[in-house]
Protein backbone atom coordinates (compact mmCIF):
# COMPACT_ATOMS: atom_id res chain seq x y z
CA MET A 1 -21.46 28.44 0.56
CA ALA A 2 -24.47 26.54 -0.81
CA LYS A 3 -23.92 23.02 -2.06
CA THR A 4 -25.23 23.04 -5.62
CA GLU A 5 -23.01 20.51 -7.40
CA THR A 6 -23.53 16.75 -7.50
CA LEU A 7 -20.91 14.03 -7.95
CA HIS A 8 -21.89 10.66 -9.37
CA ILE A 9 -19.34 7.91 -8.84
CA ARG A 10 -19.43 4.17 -9.30
CA VAL A 11 -18.07 1.90 -6.57
CA GLU A 12 -18.34 -1.75 -5.70
CA PRO A 13 -21.46 -2.39 -3.59
CA GLU A 14 -19.53 -4.03 -0.74
CA ILE A 15 -17.06 -1.13 -0.59
CA LYS A 16 -19.95 1.34 -0.45
CA LEU A 17 -21.57 -0.57 2.43
CA GLN A 18 -18.32 -0.84 4.39
CA ALA A 19 -17.56 2.85 3.87
CA GLU A 20 -21.06 3.88 4.93
CA GLU A 21 -20.73 1.80 8.09
CA THR A 22 -17.33 3.30 8.86
CA PHE A 23 -18.58 6.85 8.36
CA ARG A 24 -21.76 6.16 10.34
CA ASP A 25 -19.56 5.01 13.23
CA LEU A 26 -17.80 8.38 12.95
CA GLY A 27 -21.11 10.20 12.95
CA ILE A 28 -20.92 11.46 9.37
CA THR A 29 -22.43 10.56 6.01
CA THR A 30 -20.54 9.36 2.97
CA ALA A 31 -21.23 12.75 1.38
CA ASP A 32 -19.67 14.44 4.43
CA ALA A 33 -16.63 12.17 4.11
CA VAL A 34 -16.22 13.01 0.41
CA ASN A 35 -16.47 16.72 1.22
CA ILE A 36 -13.83 16.35 3.93
CA PHE A 37 -11.59 14.51 1.46
CA LEU A 38 -12.02 17.24 -1.17
CA HIS A 39 -11.32 20.04 1.28
CA LYS A 40 -8.24 18.27 2.62
CA ALA A 41 -6.99 17.61 -0.94
CA ILE A 42 -7.32 21.31 -1.73
CA TYR A 43 -5.58 22.27 1.52
CA THR A 44 -2.65 19.89 0.96
CA GLY A 45 -2.41 20.48 -2.79
CA GLY A 46 -2.94 16.81 -3.65
CA PHE A 47 -4.01 13.60 -2.06
CA PRO A 48 -4.22 13.98 1.72
CA PHE A 49 -2.37 10.68 2.09
CA ASP A 50 0.47 8.85 0.34
CA VAL A 51 -0.43 7.37 -3.03
CA ARG A 52 2.12 4.98 -4.43
CA LYS A 53 2.61 1.55 -5.83
CA GLU A 54 2.85 -1.19 -3.28
CA TYR A 55 6.36 -2.00 -4.51
CA ASN A 56 8.81 0.20 -6.36
CA ARG A 57 10.94 -1.07 -9.26
CA GLU A 58 13.93 -1.79 -7.01
CA THR A 59 11.82 -3.92 -4.66
CA ILE A 60 10.25 -5.85 -7.56
CA GLU A 61 13.71 -6.57 -8.99
CA ALA A 62 14.92 -7.72 -5.55
CA ILE A 63 11.95 -10.09 -5.29
CA LYS A 64 12.69 -11.50 -8.76
CA GLU A 65 16.35 -11.95 -7.84
CA ALA A 66 15.43 -13.72 -4.60
CA LYS A 67 13.15 -16.10 -6.52
CA ARG A 68 15.94 -16.85 -9.05
CA ILE A 69 18.40 -17.51 -6.21
CA ALA A 70 15.91 -19.77 -4.42
CA ARG A 71 15.53 -21.91 -7.57
CA ASP A 72 19.24 -22.04 -8.41
CA PRO A 73 20.69 -25.39 -7.28
CA ASN A 74 24.24 -23.97 -7.48
CA VAL A 75 23.64 -21.37 -4.76
CA LYS A 76 25.22 -22.26 -1.41
CA ARG A 77 22.59 -23.06 1.24
CA TYR A 78 22.85 -22.41 4.96
CA ASN A 79 20.91 -24.02 7.79
CA THR A 80 21.99 -21.92 10.74
CA MET A 81 23.19 -18.41 11.50
CA GLU A 82 26.56 -19.87 12.48
CA GLU A 83 26.94 -21.37 8.99
CA ILE A 84 26.14 -18.00 7.41
CA ILE A 85 28.70 -16.21 9.59
CA ALA A 86 31.32 -18.87 8.88
CA GLY A 87 30.61 -18.53 5.16
CA LEU A 88 31.01 -14.77 5.34
CA ASN A 89 34.25 -15.07 7.29
CA ALA A 90 35.59 -17.66 4.82
CA ASP A 91 35.39 -15.06 2.03
CA ASP A 92 37.82 -12.73 3.88
């Protein structure tokens, strides 16, 4: 099939240079890489790789909770694993 369509995209100059270098090392052009991406996206019915937030809501809430606990002067502190185990056993 003849290639008759053109895509125009804007990217950061440094990203473009790094991508071109990466693709050159693979022996292909950036246009070849985009075509491979598009074909693979069609084949898989979506992105050909996982696309997700770095952290989900549960992880973000756990991070916030950990920060609150770290700042709370009333939270029991432990210095060794033995102290942690003793503290867990004391609750039994």
